[in-house]
C-alpha cells in the first residue's frame, strides 16, 4: 500500500491521505473545492465542480493515472437541485463514463456544494 500526495492539490483537512494505491488500483479520498491555501473556490455548483476536478486531476496524475482510467466515482451533492450543473462539468472530465453513484447529503465539509471520490486503474 502506497500513500499518494500531490502538492498540486489541497492538503487533507483531516487524518487521511489524498489517495492510496494498492497494486494498480487507486482509491482517492473525496475532493472538495479547496485551493492550495485551503480556501473554498466558487460560490456555485459549476465553479466548485471545476475546482474539484482540478484537485482530482492533480491526485490522479501524481499516482500515474488519469480520468480516462476511472472505474468508479462516488459523488456527493449538498442539494439535488445542483445535479444538472454538476453533470455539465463532470461529463467534460469523465468522458469514459465510469460507474457512478451520486447522492445528496445533508451537509459536506466546510459547507461546500460538492465532493467527489474516484477509484481508478493505474497502468
PDB file of N, CA and C in Angstrom:
ATOM      1  N   UNK A   1       0.852  -1.176   0.000  1.00  0.00           N
ATOM      2  CA  UNK A   1       0.000   0.000   0.000  1.00  0.00           C
ATOM      3  C   UNK A   1       0.897   1.239   0.000  1.00  0.00           C
ATOM      4  N   UNK A   2       0.607   2.149  -0.935  1.00  0.00           N
ATOM      5  CA  UNK A   2       1.389   3.381  -1.058  1.00  0.00           C
ATOM      6  C   UNK A   2       0.457   4.585  -0.912  1.00  0.00           C
ATOM      7  N   UNK A   3       0.809   5.501  -0.034  1.00  0.00           N
ATOM      8  CA  UNK A   3       0.029   6.727   0.123  1.00  0.00           C
ATOM      9  C   UNK A   3       0.456   7.716  -0.939  1.00  0.00           C
ATOM     10  N   UNK A   4      -0.522   8.375  -1.549  1.00  0.00           N
ATOM     11  CA  UNK A   4      -0.263   9.333  -2.622  1.00  0.00           C
ATOM     12  C   UNK A   4      -0.535  10.731  -2.103  1.00  0.00           C
ATOM     13  N   UNK A   5       0.398  11.651  -2.393  1.00  0.00           N
ATOM     14  CA  UNK A   5       0.209  13.055  -2.028  1.00  0.00           C
ATOM     15  C   UNK A   5       0.695  13.930  -3.173  1.00  0.00           C
ATOM     16  N   UNK A   6      -0.146  14.853  -3.599  1.00  0.00           N
ATOM     17  CA  UNK A   6       0.222  15.822  -4.624  1.00  0.00           C
ATOM     18  C   UNK A   6       0.276  17.217  -4.009  1.00  0.00           C
ATOM     19  N   UNK A   7       1.349  17.922  -4.262  1.00  0.00           N
ATOM     20  CA  UNK A   7       1.455  19.317  -3.830  1.00  0.00           C
ATOM     21  C   UNK A   7       0.589  20.235  -4.686  1.00  0.00           C
ATOM     22  N   UNK A   8       0.005  19.681  -5.756  1.00  0.00           N
ATOM     23  CA  UNK A   8      -0.856  20.473  -6.646  1.00  0.00           C
ATOM     24  C   UNK A   8      -2.329  20.363  -6.265  1.00  0.00           C
ATOM     25  N   UNK A   9      -2.607  19.652  -5.187  1.00  0.00           N
ATOM     26  CA  UNK A   9      -3.967  19.533  -4.651  1.00  0.00           C
ATOM     27  C   UNK A   9      -3.917  19.966  -3.191  1.00  0.00           C
ATOM     28  N   UNK A  10      -5.042  20.423  -2.654  1.00  0.00           N
ATOM     29  CA  UNK A  10      -5.026  20.873  -1.257  1.00  0.00           C
ATOM     30  C   UNK A  10      -4.701  19.731  -0.297  1.00  0.00           C
ATOM     31  N   UNK A  11      -4.071  20.091   0.805  1.00  0.00           N
ATOM     32  CA  UNK A  11      -3.765  19.111   1.842  1.00  0.00           C
ATOM     33  C   UNK A  11      -5.066  18.571   2.425  1.00  0.00           C
ATOM     34  N   UNK A  12      -4.998  17.353   2.929  1.00  0.00           N
ATOM     35  CA  UNK A  12      -6.152  16.766   3.601  1.00  0.00           C
ATOM     36  C   UNK A  12      -6.519  17.627   4.808  1.00  0.00           C
ATOM     37  N   UNK A  13      -7.824  17.774   5.052  1.00  0.00           N
ATOM     38  CA  UNK A  13      -8.267  18.590   6.186  1.00  0.00           C
ATOM     39  C   UNK A  13      -8.521  17.739   7.429  1.00  0.00           C
ATOM     40  N   UNK A  14      -8.089  16.496   7.371  1.00  0.00           N
ATOM     41  CA  UNK A  14      -8.258  15.582   8.492  1.00  0.00           C
ATOM     42  C   UNK A  14      -7.180  14.516   8.453  1.00  0.00           C
ATOM     43  N   UNK A  15      -7.307  13.501   9.290  1.00  0.00           N
ATOM     44  CA  UNK A  15      -6.296  12.438   9.370  1.00  0.00           C
ATOM     45  C   UNK A  15      -6.488  11.368   8.294  1.00  0.00           C
ATOM     46  N   UNK A  16      -6.234  11.733   7.052  1.00  0.00           N
ATOM     47  CA  UNK A  16      -6.365  10.801   5.935  1.00  0.00           C
ATOM     48  C   UNK A  16      -5.433  11.218   4.804  1.00  0.00           C
ATOM     49  N   UNK A  17      -5.241  10.339   3.845  1.00  0.00           N
ATOM     50  CA  UNK A  17      -4.392  10.589   2.678  1.00  0.00           C
ATOM     51  C   UNK A  17      -5.245  11.091   1.519  1.00  0.00           C
ATOM     52  N   UNK A  18      -4.621  11.816   0.606  1.00  0.00           N
ATOM     53  CA  UNK A  18      -5.334  12.234  -0.607  1.00  0.00           C
ATOM     54  C   UNK A  18      -5.764  11.010  -1.401  1.00  0.00           C
ATOM     55  N   UNK A  19      -4.914   9.990  -1.396  1.00  0.00           N
ATOM     56  CA  UNK A  19      -5.236   8.748  -2.106  1.00  0.00           C
ATOM     57  C   UNK A  19      -4.325   7.639  -1.601  1.00  0.00           C
ATOM     58  N   UNK A  20      -4.750   6.413  -1.890  1.00  0.00           N
ATOM     59  CA  UNK A  20      -3.959   5.231  -1.544  1.00  0.00           C
ATOM     60  C   UNK A  20      -3.918   4.333  -2.779  1.00  0.00           C
ATOM     61  N   UNK A  21      -2.725   3.866  -3.099  1.00  0.00           N
ATOM     62  CA  UNK A  21      -2.521   2.971  -4.234  1.00  0.00           C
ATOM     63  C   UNK A  21      -2.256   1.565  -3.697  1.00  0.00           C
ATOM     64  N   UNK A  22      -3.080   0.612  -4.130  1.00  0.00           N
ATOM     65  CA  UNK A  22      -2.927  -0.791  -3.751  1.00  0.00           C
ATOM     66  C   UNK A  22      -2.847  -1.595  -5.038  1.00  0.00           C
ATOM     67  N   UNK A  23      -1.711  -2.275  -5.236  1.00  0.00           N
ATOM     68  CA  UNK A  23      -1.440  -2.953  -6.504  1.00  0.00           C
ATOM     69  C   UNK A  23      -1.591  -1.906  -7.608  1.00  0.00           C
ATOM     70  N   UNK A  24      -2.475  -2.062  -8.560  1.00  0.00           N
ATOM     71  CA  UNK A  24      -2.656  -0.998  -9.554  1.00  0.00           C
ATOM     72  C   UNK A  24      -4.027  -0.346  -9.455  1.00  0.00           C
ATOM     73  N   UNK A  25      -4.567  -0.304  -8.250  1.00  0.00           N
ATOM     74  CA  UNK A  25      -5.850   0.376  -8.031  1.00  0.00           C
ATOM     75  C   UNK A  25      -5.637   1.581  -7.122  1.00  0.00           C
ATOM     76  N   UNK A  26      -6.119   2.737  -7.585  1.00  0.00           N
ATOM     77  CA  UNK A  26      -6.025   3.972  -6.819  1.00  0.00           C
ATOM     78  C   UNK A  26      -7.380   4.295  -6.212  1.00  0.00           C
ATOM     79  N   UNK A  27      -7.372   4.604  -4.940  1.00  0.00           N
ATOM     80  CA  UNK A  27      -8.581   4.989  -4.220  1.00  0.00           C
ATOM     81  C   UNK A  27      -8.356   6.402  -3.701  1.00  0.00           C
ATOM     82  N   UNK A  28      -9.064   7.373  -4.257  1.00  0.00           N
ATOM     83  CA  UNK A  28      -8.882   8.739  -3.778  1.00  0.00           C
ATOM     84  C   UNK A  28      -9.831   9.015  -2.627  1.00  0.00           C
ATOM     85  N   UNK A  29      -9.420   9.907  -1.767  1.00  0.00           N
ATOM     86  CA  UNK A  29     -10.339  10.458  -0.786  1.00  0.00           C
ATOM     87  C   UNK A  29     -11.232  11.442  -1.524  1.00  0.00           C
ATOM     88  N   UNK A  30     -12.336  11.779  -0.922  1.00  0.00           N
ATOM     89  CA  UNK A  30     -13.216  12.766  -1.534  1.00  0.00           C
ATOM     90  C   UNK A  30     -12.517  14.109  -1.643  1.00  0.00           C
ATOM     91  N   UNK A  31     -12.617  14.715  -2.799  1.00  0.00           N
ATOM     92  CA  UNK A  31     -12.051  16.044  -3.015  1.00  0.00           C
ATOM     93  C   UNK A  31     -13.186  17.067  -2.983  1.00  0.00           C
ATOM     94  N   UNK A  32     -12.933  18.154  -2.271  1.00  0.00           N
ATOM     95  CA  UNK A  32     -13.886  19.256  -2.221  1.00  0.00           C
ATOM     96  C   UNK A  32     -13.239  20.465  -2.890  1.00  0.00           C
ATOM     97  N   UNK A  33     -14.000  21.508  -3.168  1.00  0.00           N
ATOM     98  CA  UNK A  33     -13.477  22.637  -3.944  1.00  0.00           C
ATOM     99  C   UNK A  33     -12.606  23.604  -3.139  1.00  0.00           C
ATOM    100  N   UNK A  34     -11.456  23.107  -2.702  1.00  0.00           N
ATOM    101  CA  UNK A  34     -10.497  23.960  -1.998  1.00  0.00           C
ATOM    102  C   UNK A  34      -9.308  24.237  -2.899  1.00  0.00           C
ATOM    103  N   UNK A  35      -8.733  25.433  -2.754  1.00  0.00           N
ATOM    104  CA  UNK A  35      -7.488  25.725  -3.456  1.00  0.00           C
ATOM    105  C   UNK A  35      -6.321  25.304  -2.576  1.00  0.00           C
ATOM    106  N   UNK A  36      -5.104  25.561  -3.026  1.00  0.00           N
ATOM    107  CA  UNK A  36      -3.924  25.113  -2.291  1.00  0.00           C
ATOM    108  C   UNK A  36      -3.791  25.778  -0.929  1.00  0.00           C
ATOM    109  N   UNK A  37      -4.410  26.920  -0.764  1.00  0.00           N
ATOM    110  CA  UNK A  37      -4.378  27.624   0.524  1.00  0.00           C
ATOM    111  C   UNK A  37      -5.475  27.132   1.466  1.00  0.00           C
ATOM    112  N   UNK A  38      -6.335  26.232   0.982  1.00  0.00           N
ATOM    113  CA  UNK A  38      -7.403  25.694   1.808  1.00  0.00           C
ATOM    114  C   UNK A  38      -8.672  26.517   1.799  1.00  0.00           C
ATOM    115  N   UNK A  39      -8.777  27.445   0.839  1.00  0.00           N
ATOM    116  CA  UNK A  39      -9.973  28.279   0.723  1.00  0.00           C
ATOM    117  C   UNK A  39     -10.942  27.690  -0.291  1.00  0.00           C
ATOM    118  N   UNK A  40     -12.230  27.850  -0.029  1.00  0.00           N
ATOM    119  CA  UNK A  40     -13.259  27.380  -0.952  1.00  0.00           C
ATOM    120  C   UNK A  40     -13.206  28.201  -2.231  1.00  0.00           C
ATOM    121  N   UNK A  41     -13.267  27.523  -3.359  1.00  0.00           N
ATOM    122  CA  UNK A  41     -13.262  28.179  -4.670  1.00  0.00           C
ATOM    123  C   UNK A  41     -14.663  28.104  -5.251  1.00  0.00           C
ATOM    124  N   UNK A  42     -15.231  29.243  -5.595  1.00  0.00           N
ATOM    125  CA  UNK A  42     -16.529  29.294  -6.260  1.00  0.00           C
ATOM    126  C   UNK A  42     -17.691  29.349  -5.294  1.00  0.00           C
ATOM    127  N   UNK A  43     -18.770  29.943  -5.787  1.00  0.00           N
ATOM    128  CA  UNK A  43     -19.979  30.021  -4.959  1.00  0.00           C
ATOM    129  C   UNK A  43     -21.177  29.382  -5.637  1.00  0.00           C
ATOM    130  N   UNK A  44     -20.915  28.667  -6.744  1.00  0.00           N
ATOM    131  CA  UNK A  44     -21.995  27.927  -7.405  1.00  0.00           C
ATOM    132  C   UNK A  44     -21.473  26.542  -7.799  1.00  0.00           C
ATOM    133  N   UNK A  45     -22.375  25.683  -8.193  1.00  0.00           N
ATOM    134  CA  UNK A  45     -22.022  24.279  -8.437  1.00  0.00           C
ATOM    135  C   UNK A  45     -21.020  24.105  -9.577  1.00  0.00           C
ATOM    136  N   UNK A  46     -21.115  24.889 -10.631  1.00  0.00           N
ATOM    137  CA  UNK A  46     -20.184  24.698 -11.749  1.00  0.00           C
ATOM    138  C   UNK A  46     -18.771  25.129 -11.366  1.00  0.00           C
ATOM    139  N   UNK A  47     -18.634  26.242 -10.688  1.00  0.00           N
ATOM    140  CA  UNK A  47     -17.310  26.695 -10.259  1.00  0.00           C
ATOM    141  C   UNK A  47     -16.702  25.718  -9.257  1.00  0.00           C
ATOM    142  N   UNK A  48     -17.506  25.259  -8.314  1.00  0.00           N
ATOM    143  CA  UNK A  48     -16.991  24.339  -7.316  1.00  0.00           C
ATOM    144  C   UNK A  48     -16.630  22.990  -7.929  1.00  0.00           C
ATOM    145  N   UNK A  49     -17.436  22.507  -8.864  1.00  0.00           N
ATOM    146  CA  UNK A  49     -17.133  21.227  -9.512  1.00  0.00           C
ATOM    147  C   UNK A  49     -15.853  21.333 -10.335  1.00  0.00           C
ATOM    148  N   UNK A  50     -15.643  22.458 -11.013  1.00  0.00           N
ATOM    149  CA  UNK A  50     -14.390  22.661 -11.762  1.00  0.00           C
ATOM    150  C   UNK A  50     -13.187  22.550 -10.834  1.00  0.00           C
ATOM    151  N   UNK A  51     -13.265  23.127  -9.643  1.00  0.00           N
ATOM    152  CA  UNK A  51     -12.146  23.055  -8.709  1.00  0.00           C
ATOM    153  C   UNK A  51     -11.947  21.632  -8.204  1.00  0.00           C
ATOM    154  N   UNK A  52     -13.028  20.920  -7.938  1.00  0.00           N
ATOM    155  CA  UNK A  52     -12.921  19.523  -7.524  1.00  0.00           C
ATOM    156  C   UNK A  52     -12.200  18.718  -8.599  1.00  0.00           C
ATOM    157  N   UNK A  53     -12.544  18.938  -9.863  1.00  0.00           N
ATOM    158  CA  UNK A  53     -11.910  18.194 -10.957  1.00  0.00           C
ATOM    159  C   UNK A  53     -10.432  18.556 -11.072  1.00  0.00           C
ATOM    160  N   UNK A  54     -10.101  19.807 -10.845  1.00  0.00           N
ATOM    161  CA  UNK A  54      -8.691  20.232 -10.860  1.00  0.00           C
ATOM    162  C   UNK A  54      -7.928  19.492  -9.759  1.00  0.00           C
ATOM    163  N   UNK A  55      -8.515  19.394  -8.580  1.00  0.00           N
ATOM    164  CA  UNK A  55      -7.877  18.693  -7.461  1.00  0.00           C
ATOM    165  C   UNK A  55      -7.729  17.199  -7.756  1.00  0.00           C
ATOM    166  N   UNK A  56      -8.798  16.593  -8.285  1.00  0.00           N
ATOM    167  CA  UNK A  56      -8.729  15.170  -8.625  1.00  0.00           C
ATOM    168  C   UNK A  56      -7.676  14.909  -9.687  1.00  0.00           C
ATOM    169  N   UNK A  57      -7.606  15.768 -10.683  1.00  0.00           N
ATOM    170  CA  UNK A  57      -6.610  15.605 -11.755  1.00  0.00           C
ATOM    171  C   UNK A  57      -5.205  15.576 -11.173  1.00  0.00           C
ATOM    172  N   UNK A  58      -4.921  16.469 -10.234  1.00  0.00           N
ATOM    173  CA  UNK A  58      -3.591  16.514  -9.618  1.00  0.00           C
ATOM    174  C   UNK A  58      -3.284  15.221  -8.874  1.00  0.00           C
ATOM    175  N   UNK A  59      -4.242  14.705  -8.136  1.00  0.00           N
ATOM    176  CA  UNK A  59      -4.033  13.468  -7.385  1.00  0.00           C
ATOM    177  C   UNK A  59      -3.889  12.280  -8.335  1.00  0.00           C
ATOM    178  N   UNK A  60      -4.745  12.212  -9.339  1.00  0.00           N
ATOM    179  CA  UNK A  60      -4.653  11.124 -10.323  1.00  0.00           C
ATOM    180  C   UNK A  60      -3.298  11.141 -11.023  1.00  0.00           C
ATOM    181  N   UNK A  61      -2.857  12.311 -11.458  1.00  0.00           N
ATOM    182  CA  UNK A  61      -1.574  12.413 -12.150  1.00  0.00           C
ATOM    183  C   UNK A  61      -0.407  12.049 -11.241  1.00  0.00           C
ATOM    184  N   UNK A  62      -0.478  12.445  -9.984  1.00  0.00           N
ATOM    185  CA  UNK A  62       0.596  12.092  -9.033  1.00  0.00           C
ATOM    186  C   UNK A  62       0.745  10.574  -8.926  1.00  0.00           C
ATOM    187  N   UNK A  63      -0.370   9.869  -9.062  1.00  0.00           N
ATOM    188  CA  UNK A  63      -0.351   8.404  -8.983  1.00  0.00           C
ATOM    189  C   UNK A  63      -0.029   7.750 -10.323  1.00  0.00           C
ATOM    190  N   UNK A  64       0.063   8.545 -11.374  1.00  0.00           N
ATOM    191  CA  UNK A  64       0.381   7.996 -12.684  1.00  0.00           C
ATOM    192  C   UNK A  64      -0.823   7.530 -13.474  1.00  0.00           C
ATOM    193  N   UNK A  65      -1.983   8.139 -13.221  1.00  0.00           N
ATOM    194  CA  UNK A  65      -3.184   7.762 -13.957  1.00  0.00           C
ATOM    195  C   UNK A  65      -3.942   9.025 -14.358  1.00  0.00           C
ATOM    196  N   UNK A  66      -5.172   8.843 -14.834  1.00  0.00           N
ATOM    197  CA  UNK A  66      -5.949   9.979 -15.338  1.00  0.00           C
ATOM    198  C   UNK A  66      -7.443   9.676 -15.242  1.00  0.00           C
ATOM    199  N   UNK A  67      -8.240  10.655 -15.585  1.00  0.00           N
ATOM    200  CA  UNK A  67      -9.700  10.488 -15.594  1.00  0.00           C
ATOM    201  C   UNK A  67     -10.122   9.317 -16.490  1.00  0.00           C
ATOM    202  N   UNK A  68      -9.399   9.098 -17.590  1.00  0.00           N
ATOM    203  CA  UNK A  68      -9.761   8.045 -18.541  1.00  0.00           C
ATOM    204  C   UNK A  68      -9.697   6.655 -17.917  1.00  0.00           C
ATOM    205  N   UNK A  69      -8.928   6.505 -16.849  1.00  0.00           N
ATOM    206  CA  UNK A  69      -8.782   5.204 -16.203  1.00  0.00           C
ATOM    207  C   UNK A  69      -9.686   5.040 -14.988  1.00  0.00           C
ATOM    208  N   UNK A  70     -10.604   5.964 -14.805  1.00  0.00           N
ATOM    209  CA  UNK A  70     -11.539   5.863 -13.676  1.00  0.00           C
ATOM    210  C   UNK A  70     -12.475   4.676 -13.892  1.00  0.00           C
ATOM    211  N   UNK A  71     -12.653   3.918 -12.833  1.00  0.00           N
ATOM    212  CA  UNK A  71     -13.548   2.762 -12.862  1.00  0.00           C
ATOM    213  C   UNK A  71     -14.873   3.106 -12.187  1.00  0.00           C
ATOM    214  N   UNK A  72     -14.792   3.862 -11.083  1.00  0.00           N
ATOM    215  CA  UNK A  72     -15.991   4.180 -10.295  1.00  0.00           C
ATOM    216  C   UNK A  72     -15.797   5.521  -9.617  1.00  0.00           C
ATOM    217  N   UNK A  73     -16.848   6.318  -9.607  1.00  0.00           N
ATOM    218  CA  UNK A  73     -16.840   7.566  -8.844  1.00  0.00           C
ATOM    219  C   UNK A  73     -18.008   7.548  -7.865  1.00  0.00           C
ATOM    220  N   UNK A  74     -17.803   8.232  -6.768  1.00  0.00           N
ATOM    221  CA  UNK A  74     -18.881   8.476  -5.821  1.00  0.00           C
ATOM    222  C   UNK A  74     -18.963   9.981  -5.652  1.00  0.00           C
ATOM    223  N   UNK A  75     -20.143  10.517  -5.898  1.00  0.00           N
ATOM    224  CA  UNK A  75     -20.339  11.962  -5.923  1.00  0.00           C
ATOM    225  C   UNK A  75     -21.366  12.357  -4.869  1.00  0.00           C
ATOM    226  N   UNK A  76     -21.037  13.376  -4.131  1.00  0.00           N
ATOM    227  CA  UNK A  76     -21.902  13.863  -3.066  1.00  0.00           C
ATOM    228  C   UNK A  76     -22.289  15.304  -3.375  1.00  0.00           C
ATOM    229  N   UNK A  77     -23.580  15.576  -3.392  1.00  0.00           N
ATOM    230  CA  UNK A  77     -24.083  16.928  -3.623  1.00  0.00           C
ATOM    231  C   UNK A  77     -24.840  17.378  -2.382  1.00  0.00           C
ATOM    232  N   UNK A  78     -24.736  18.653  -2.067  1.00  0.00           N
ATOM    233  CA  UNK A  78     -25.476  19.173  -0.918  1.00  0.00           C
ATOM    234  C   UNK A  78     -26.951  19.373  -1.251  1.00  0.00           C
ATOM    235  N   UNK A  79     -27.264  19.377  -2.562  1.00  0.00           N
ATOM    236  CA  UNK A  79     -28.641  19.609  -2.996  1.00  0.00           C
ATOM    237  C   UNK A  79     -28.811  19.018  -4.396  1.00  0.00           C
ATOM    238  N   UNK A  80     -29.775  18.143  -4.593  1.00  0.00           N
ATOM    239  CA  UNK A  80     -30.012  17.539  -5.917  1.00  0.00           C
ATOM    240  C   UNK A  80     -30.470  18.569  -6.944  1.00  0.00           C
ATOM    241  N   UNK A  81     -30.837  19.742  -6.520  1.00  0.00           N
ATOM    242  CA  UNK A  81     -31.147  20.814  -7.472  1.00  0.00           C
ATOM    243  C   UNK A  81     -29.901  21.182  -8.285  1.00  0.00           C
ATOM    244  N   UNK A  82     -28.723  20.814  -7.796  1.00  0.00           N
ATOM    245  CA  UNK A  82     -27.459  21.096  -8.493  1.00  0.00           C
ATOM    246  C   UNK A  82     -27.025  19.976  -9.436  1.00  0.00           C
ATOM    247  N   UNK A  83     -27.846  18.939  -9.566  1.00  0.00           N
ATOM    248  CA  UNK A  83     -27.494  17.755 -10.344  1.00  0.00           C
ATOM    249  C   UNK A  83     -27.143  18.093 -11.793  1.00  0.00           C
ATOM    250  N   UNK A  84     -27.948  18.887 -12.472  1.00  0.00           N
ATOM    251  CA  UNK A  84     -27.695  19.209 -13.884  1.00  0.00           C
ATOM    252  C   UNK A  84     -26.409  20.001 -14.054  1.00  0.00           C
ATOM    253  N   UNK A  85     -26.198  20.995 -13.224  1.00  0.00           N
ATOM    254  CA  UNK A  85     -24.973  21.793 -13.309  1.00  0.00           C
ATOM    255  C   UNK A  85     -23.738  20.963 -13.009  1.00  0.00           C
ATOM    256  N   UNK A  86     -23.852  20.074 -12.033  1.00  0.00           N
ATOM    257  CA  UNK A  86     -22.758  19.177 -11.700  1.00  0.00           C
ATOM    258  C   UNK A  86     -22.437  18.273 -12.896  1.00  0.00           C
ATOM    259  N   UNK A  87     -23.461  17.659 -13.478  1.00  0.00           N
ATOM    260  CA  UNK A  87     -23.259  16.758 -14.618  1.00  0.00           C
ATOM    261  C   UNK A  87     -22.618  17.461 -15.807  1.00  0.00           C
ATOM    262  N   UNK A  88     -22.960  18.727 -16.000  1.00  0.00           N
ATOM    263  CA  UNK A  88     -22.394  19.502 -17.112  1.00  0.00           C
ATOM    264  C   UNK A  88     -20.868  19.539 -17.007  1.00  0.00           C
ATOM    265  N   UNK A  89     -20.355  19.802 -15.828  1.00  0.00           N
ATOM    266  CA  UNK A  89     -18.905  19.859 -15.628  1.00  0.00           C
ATOM    267  C   UNK A  89     -18.323  18.448 -15.567  1.00  0.00           C
ATOM    268  N   UNK A  90     -18.930  17.566 -14.800  1.00  0.00           N
ATOM    269  CA  UNK A  90     -18.453  16.195 -14.628  1.00  0.00           C
ATOM    270  C   UNK A  90     -18.229  15.516 -15.980  1.00  0.00           C
ATOM    271  N   UNK A  91     -19.168  15.682 -16.899  1.00  0.00           N
ATOM    272  CA  UNK A  91     -19.102  14.984 -18.190  1.00  0.00           C
ATOM    273  C   UNK A  91     -17.930  15.450 -19.057  1.00  0.00           C
ATOM    274  N   UNK A  92     -17.389  16.611 -18.801  1.00  0.00           N
ATOM    275  CA  UNK A  92     -16.218  17.090 -19.549  1.00  0.00           C
ATOM    276  C   UNK A  92     -14.952  16.346 -19.128  1.00  0.00           C
ATOM    277  N   UNK A  93     -14.924  15.847 -17.926  1.00  0.00           N
ATOM    278  CA  UNK A  93     -13.736  15.193 -17.390  1.00  0.00           C
ATOM    279  C   UNK A  93     -13.815  13.674 -17.450  1.00  0.00           C
ATOM    280  N   UNK A  94     -14.950  13.116 -17.095  1.00  0.00           N
ATOM    281  CA  UNK A  94     -15.111  11.664 -17.074  1.00  0.00           C
ATOM    282  C   UNK A  94     -15.767  11.210 -18.374  1.00  0.00           C
ATOM    283  N   UNK A  95     -15.021  11.348 -19.466  1.00  0.00           N
ATOM    284  CA  UNK A  95     -15.548  11.029 -20.796  1.00  0.00           C
ATOM    285  C   UNK A  95     -15.678   9.528 -21.039  1.00  0.00           C
ATOM    286  N   UNK A  96     -15.025   8.726 -20.203  1.00  0.00           N
ATOM    287  CA  UNK A  96     -15.117   7.265 -20.372  1.00  0.00           C
ATOM    288  C   UNK A  96     -16.353   6.689 -19.671  1.00  0.00           C
ATOM    289  N   UNK A  97     -17.134   7.535 -19.026  1.00  0.00           N
ATOM    290  CA  UNK A  97     -18.373   7.140 -18.352  1.00  0.00           C
ATOM    291  C   UNK A  97     -18.183   5.968 -17.383  1.00  0.00           C
ATOM    292  N   UNK A  98     -17.364   6.184 -16.328  1.00  0.00           N
ATOM    293  CA  UNK A  98     -17.195   5.114 -15.343  1.00  0.00           C
ATOM    294  C   UNK A  98     -18.484   4.872 -14.570  1.00  0.00           C
ATOM    295  N   UNK A  99     -18.540   3.777 -13.854  1.00  0.00           N
ATOM    296  CA  UNK A  99     -19.678   3.544 -12.957  1.00  0.00           C
ATOM    297  C   UNK A  99     -19.719   4.705 -11.963  1.00  0.00           C
ATOM    298  N   UNK A 100     -20.925   5.021 -11.472  1.00  0.00           N
ATOM    299  CA  UNK A 100     -21.038   6.194 -10.605  1.00  0.00           C
ATOM    300  C   UNK A 100     -22.212   6.069  -9.658  1.00  0.00           C
ATOM    301  N   UNK A 101     -22.012   6.577  -8.465  1.00  0.00           N
ATOM    302  CA  UNK A 101     -23.107   6.825  -7.528  1.00  0.00           C
ATOM    303  C   UNK A 101     -23.119   8.321  -7.294  1.00  0.00           C
ATOM    304  N   UNK A 102     -24.288   8.903  -7.213  1.00  0.00           N
ATOM    305  CA  UNK A 102     -24.412  10.336  -6.945  1.00  0.00           C
ATOM    306  C   UNK A 102     -25.569  10.515  -5.975  1.00  0.00           C
ATOM    307  N   UNK A 103     -25.266  11.041  -4.812  1.00  0.00           N
ATOM    308  CA  UNK A 103     -26.283  11.185  -3.784  1.00  0.00           C
ATOM    309  C   UNK A 103     -26.268  12.597  -3.202  1.00  0.00           C
ATOM    310  N   UNK A 104     -27.407  12.993  -2.688  1.00  0.00           N
ATOM    311  CA  UNK A 104     -27.491  14.244  -1.932  1.00  0.00           C
ATOM    312  C   UNK A 104     -27.282  13.896  -0.465  1.00  0.00           C
ATOM    313  N   UNK A 105     -26.527  14.729   0.204  1.00  0.00           N
ATOM    314  CA  UNK A 105     -26.255  14.536   1.624  1.00  0.00           C
ATOM    315  C   UNK A 105     -26.688  15.784   2.382  1.00  0.00           C
ATOM    316  N   UNK A 106     -26.876  15.634   3.651  1.00  0.00           N
ATOM    317  CA  UNK A 106     -27.344  16.754   4.458  1.00  0.00           C
ATOM    318  C   UNK A 106     -26.340  17.897   4.476  1.00  0.00           C
ATOM    319  N   UNK A 107     -25.055  17.544   4.590  1.00  0.00           N
ATOM    320  CA  UNK A 107     -24.028  18.567   4.710  1.00  0.00           C
ATOM    321  C   UNK A 107     -22.686  17.994   4.294  1.00  0.00           C
ATOM    322  N   UNK A 108     -21.827  18.845   3.722  1.00  0.00           N
ATOM    323  CA  UNK A 108     -20.473  18.458   3.340  1.00  0.00           C
ATOM    324  C   UNK A 108     -19.476  19.298   4.133  1.00  0.00           C
ATOM    325  N   UNK A 109     -18.222  18.852   4.225  1.00  0.00           N
ATOM    326  CA  UNK A 109     -17.233  19.634   4.961  1.00  0.00           C
ATOM    327  C   UNK A 109     -17.149  21.070   4.450  1.00  0.00           C
ATOM    328  N   UNK A 110     -16.994  21.988   5.374  1.00  0.00           N
ATOM    329  CA  UNK A 110     -16.848  23.414   5.067  1.00  0.00           C
ATOM    330  C   UNK A 110     -18.054  23.988   4.319  1.00  0.00           C
ATOM    331  N   UNK A 111     -19.188  23.293   4.373  1.00  0.00           N
ATOM    332  CA  UNK A 111     -20.432  23.712   3.737  1.00  0.00           C
ATOM    333  C   UNK A 111     -20.299  23.900   2.212  1.00  0.00           C
ATOM    334  N   UNK A 112     -19.428  23.094   1.586  1.00  0.00           N
ATOM    335  CA  UNK A 112     -19.295  23.147   0.132  1.00  0.00           C
ATOM    336  C   UNK A 112     -20.499  22.473  -0.514  1.00  0.00           C
ATOM    337  N   UNK A 113     -20.608  22.612  -1.825  1.00  0.00           N
ATOM    338  CA  UNK A 113     -21.747  22.079  -2.574  1.00  0.00           C
ATOM    339  C   UNK A 113     -21.503  20.687  -3.143  1.00  0.00           C
ATOM    340  N   UNK A 114     -20.217  20.274  -3.248  1.00  0.00           N
ATOM    341  CA  UNK A 114     -19.904  19.034  -3.955  1.00  0.00           C
ATOM    342  C   UNK A 114     -18.630  18.390  -3.412  1.00  0.00           C
ATOM    343  N   UNK A 115     -18.597  17.055  -3.462  1.00  0.00           N
ATOM    344  CA  UNK A 115     -17.415  16.269  -3.140  1.00  0.00           C
ATOM    345  C   UNK A 115     -17.420  15.055  -4.057  1.00  0.00           C
ATOM    346  N   UNK A 116     -16.242  14.676  -4.558  1.00  0.00           N
ATOM    347  CA  UNK A 116     -16.139  13.530  -5.469  1.00  0.00           C
ATOM    348  C   UNK A 116     -14.933  12.685  -5.085  1.00  0.00           C
ATOM    349  N   UNK A 117     -15.140  11.368  -5.074  1.00  0.00           N
ATOM    350  CA  UNK A 117     -14.037  10.426  -4.883  1.00  0.00           C
ATOM    351  C   UNK A 117     -13.994   9.491  -6.085  1.00  0.00           C
ATOM    352  N   UNK A 118     -12.808   8.929  -6.340  1.00  0.00           N
ATOM    353  CA  UNK A 118     -12.589   8.117  -7.544  1.00  0.00           C
ATOM    354  C   UNK A 118     -11.834   6.842  -7.205  1.00  0.00           C
ATOM    355  N   UNK A 119     -12.193   5.773  -7.877  1.00  0.00           N
ATOM    356  CA  UNK A 119     -11.386   4.554  -7.917  1.00  0.00           C
ATOM    357  C   UNK A 119     -10.897   4.446  -9.364  1.00  0.00           C
ATOM    358  N   UNK A 120      -9.578   4.350  -9.544  1.00  0.00           N
ATOM    359  CA  UNK A 120      -9.024   4.331 -10.901  1.00  0.00           C
ATOM    360  C   UNK A 120      -7.937   3.275 -11.031  1.00  0.00           C
ATOM    361  N   UNK A 121      -7.775   2.794 -12.233  1.00  0.00           N
ATOM    362  CA  UNK A 121      -6.718   1.854 -12.579  1.00  0.00           C
ATOM    363  C   UNK A 121      -5.447   2.625 -12.848  1.00  0.00           C
ATOM    364  N   UNK A 122      -4.333   2.142 -12.328  1.00  0.00           N
ATOM    365  CA  UNK A 122      -3.024   2.729 -12.613  1.00  0.00           C
ATOM    366  C   UNK A 122      -2.286   1.698 -13.445  1.00  0.00           C
ATOM    367  N   UNK A 123      -2.023   2.052 -14.704  1.00  0.00           N
ATOM    368  CA  UNK A 123      -1.399   1.102 -15.638  1.00  0.00           C
ATOM    369  C   UNK A 123       0.111   1.131 -15.543  1.00  0.00           C
TER     370      UNK A 123
END
